[in-house]
Amino acid sequence: MKSVESKSEMNGNGVRELSFGFALQVVRLCRFLEKEKKEYVLSRQLLRSGTAIGALVREAQQAESRADFIHKLSIALKEANETDYWIELLHQSQLIEKKGYDSIKPDIVELLKLLTSIIKSSKIAVKNS
């Protein structure tokens, strides 16, 4: 695939690093939920969606076309939205305390913003090419 403007946003300290760091936070949170709270079902849901974001970002970097790039990041955005849901549910059901919630919530919000921005700018680039 030719160089995609949005790909430059994924280099350096961009969405790739943020999504990987976020996945590590999710793994740690799920360990806590299983060990301390004996919560297995919701923690597995969170683990699946929260780690899928970074994997999809990595896949997008190897996209075969701009459309494939947009598609993979769109799936990552869906996974990020689902992850945000699980985090909210865990917080509202008091399975994670405010401190834990406050440490992970800003990162998922930032991922949602970044993915949305990259997808929008990529779609604009497709229309303009």
Protein backbone atom coordinates (compact mmCIF):
# COMPACT_ATOMS: atom_id res chain seq x y z
CA MET A 1 0.00 0.00 0.00
CA LYS A 2 1.23 3.49 -0.75
CA SER A 3 2.06 5.68 2.19
CA VAL A 4 -1.12 6.74 3.89
CA GLU A 5 -1.17 10.10 5.66
CA SER A 6 -3.00 8.58 8.58
CA LYS A 7 -0.31 5.96 8.97
CA SER A 8 2.06 8.70 10.13
CA GLU A 9 -0.32 9.35 13.02
CA MET A 10 0.16 5.72 14.01
CA ASN A 11 3.96 6.03 14.28
CA GLY A 12 5.96 7.44 17.17
CA ASN A 13 3.84 7.86 20.28
CA GLY A 14 0.57 7.42 18.42
CA VAL A 15 -2.31 5.02 18.48
CA ARG A 16 -0.08 1.93 18.16
CA GLU A 17 1.72 2.63 21.44
CA LEU A 18 -1.40 3.83 23.21
CA SER A 19 -3.38 0.75 22.18
CA PHE A 20 -0.58 -1.58 23.31
CA GLY A 21 -0.23 0.19 26.66
CA PHE A 22 -3.99 0.08 27.06
CA ALA A 23 -4.01 -3.67 26.36
CA LEU A 24 -1.48 -4.12 29.17
CA GLN A 25 -3.75 -2.16 31.53
CA VAL A 26 -6.68 -4.38 30.51
CA VAL A 27 -4.69 -7.57 31.14
CA ARG A 28 -3.75 -6.32 34.63
CA LEU A 29 -7.32 -5.27 35.38
CA CYS A 30 -8.68 -8.65 34.27
CA ARG A 31 -6.15 -10.46 36.48
CA PHE A 32 -7.36 -8.34 39.40
CA LEU A 33 -11.02 -9.00 38.59
CA GLU A 34 -10.47 -12.75 38.42
CA LYS A 35 -8.17 -13.04 41.43
CA GLU A 36 -9.69 -10.51 43.83
CA LYS A 37 -13.32 -10.23 42.74
CA LYS A 38 -13.79 -13.75 41.33
CA GLU A 39 -15.39 -12.15 38.28
CA TYR A 40 -14.71 -14.27 35.23
CA VAL A 41 -17.44 -13.57 32.65
CA LEU A 42 -17.17 -9.77 32.47
CA SER A 43 -13.40 -9.84 32.78
CA ARG A 44 -13.18 -12.17 29.76
CA GLN A 45 -15.40 -9.85 27.73
CA LEU A 46 -13.19 -6.89 28.66
CA LEU A 47 -10.02 -8.87 27.93
CA ARG A 48 -11.23 -9.85 24.47
CA SER A 49 -12.38 -6.41 23.34
CA GLY A 50 -9.66 -4.42 25.12
CA THR A 51 -6.79 -6.38 23.61
CA ALA A 52 -8.37 -6.60 20.15
CA ILE A 53 -7.95 -2.85 19.65
CA GLY A 54 -4.17 -2.99 19.46
CA ALA A 55 -4.18 -6.13 17.35
CA LEU A 56 -6.45 -4.46 14.80
CA VAL A 57 -4.30 -1.33 14.78
CA ARG A 58 -1.30 -3.52 13.98
CA GLU A 59 -3.28 -5.24 11.22
CA ALA A 60 -4.24 -1.87 9.77
CA GLN A 61 -0.58 -0.94 9.46
CA GLN A 62 -0.20 -3.80 6.99
CA ALA A 63 -3.38 -3.03 5.08
CA GLU A 64 -3.48 -3.88 1.39
CA SER A 65 -5.30 -0.68 0.44
CA ARG A 66 -6.62 2.51 1.95
CA ALA A 67 -10.09 0.91 2.08
CA ASP A 68 -8.65 -2.09 3.96
CA PHE A 69 -6.87 0.33 6.33
CA ILE A 70 -10.12 2.17 7.06
CA HIS A 71 -12.01 -1.10 7.49
CA LYS A 72 -9.54 -2.52 10.02
CA LEU A 73 -9.47 0.69 12.02
CA SER A 74 -13.28 0.82 11.94
CA ILE A 75 -13.36 -2.62 13.55
CA ALA A 76 -10.81 -1.38 16.13
CA LEU A 77 -13.15 1.54 16.85
CA LYS A 78 -16.06 -0.87 17.41
CA GLU A 79 -13.92 -2.88 19.82
CA ALA A 80 -12.94 0.33 21.62
CA ASN A 81 -16.61 1.28 22.00
CA GLU A 82 -17.40 -2.16 23.38
CA THR A 83 -14.46 -1.90 25.78
CA ASP A 84 -15.72 1.45 27.00
CA TYR A 85 -19.08 -0.22 27.69
CA TRP A 86 -17.47 -2.98 29.79
CA ILE A 87 -15.41 -0.45 31.74
CA GLU A 88 -18.53 1.59 32.49
CA LEU A 89 -20.46 -1.53 33.51
CA LEU A 90 -17.67 -2.74 35.80
CA HIS A 91 -17.48 0.69 37.41
CA GLN A 92 -21.23 1.15 37.82
CA SER A 93 -21.57 -2.36 39.28
CA GLN A 94 -18.76 -1.50 41.72
CA LEU A 95 -16.45 -4.26 40.52
CA ILE A 96 -13.79 -1.64 39.91
CA GLU A 97 -13.38 1.28 42.26
CA LYS A 98 -13.15 4.92 41.28
CA LYS A 99 -9.34 4.90 41.40
CA GLY A 100 -9.11 1.99 38.94
CA TYR A 101 -11.78 3.51 36.74
CA ASP A 102 -10.05 6.89 36.73
CA SER A 103 -6.78 5.29 35.68
CA ILE A 104 -8.18 3.41 32.66
CA LYS A 105 -11.06 5.60 31.45
CA PRO A 106 -8.93 8.44 29.99
CA ASP A 107 -6.99 5.99 27.84
CA ILE A 108 -10.06 4.43 26.25
CA VAL A 109 -11.49 7.91 25.63
CA GLU A 110 -8.21 8.92 23.96
CA LEU A 111 -8.21 5.77 21.83
CA LEU A 112 -11.78 6.46 20.74
CA LYS A 113 -10.83 10.00 19.74
CA LEU A 114 -7.67 8.96 17.90
CA LEU A 115 -9.32 6.15 15.98
CA THR A 116 -12.25 8.36 15.01
CA SER A 117 -9.88 11.08 13.82
CA ILE A 118 -7.70 8.72 11.78
CA ILE A 119 -10.73 7.09 10.16
CA LYS A 120 -12.29 10.45 9.28
CA SER A 121 -9.07 11.85 7.80
CA SER A 122 -8.53 8.63 5.84
CA LYS A 123 -12.03 8.80 4.40
CA ILE A 124 -11.44 12.41 3.36
CA ALA A 125 -8.18 11.38 1.69
CA VAL A 126 -10.07 8.67 -0.24
CA LYS A 127 -12.63 11.20 -1.48
CA ASN A 128 -9.90 13.62 -2.52
CA SER A 129 -7.85 11.06 -4.45
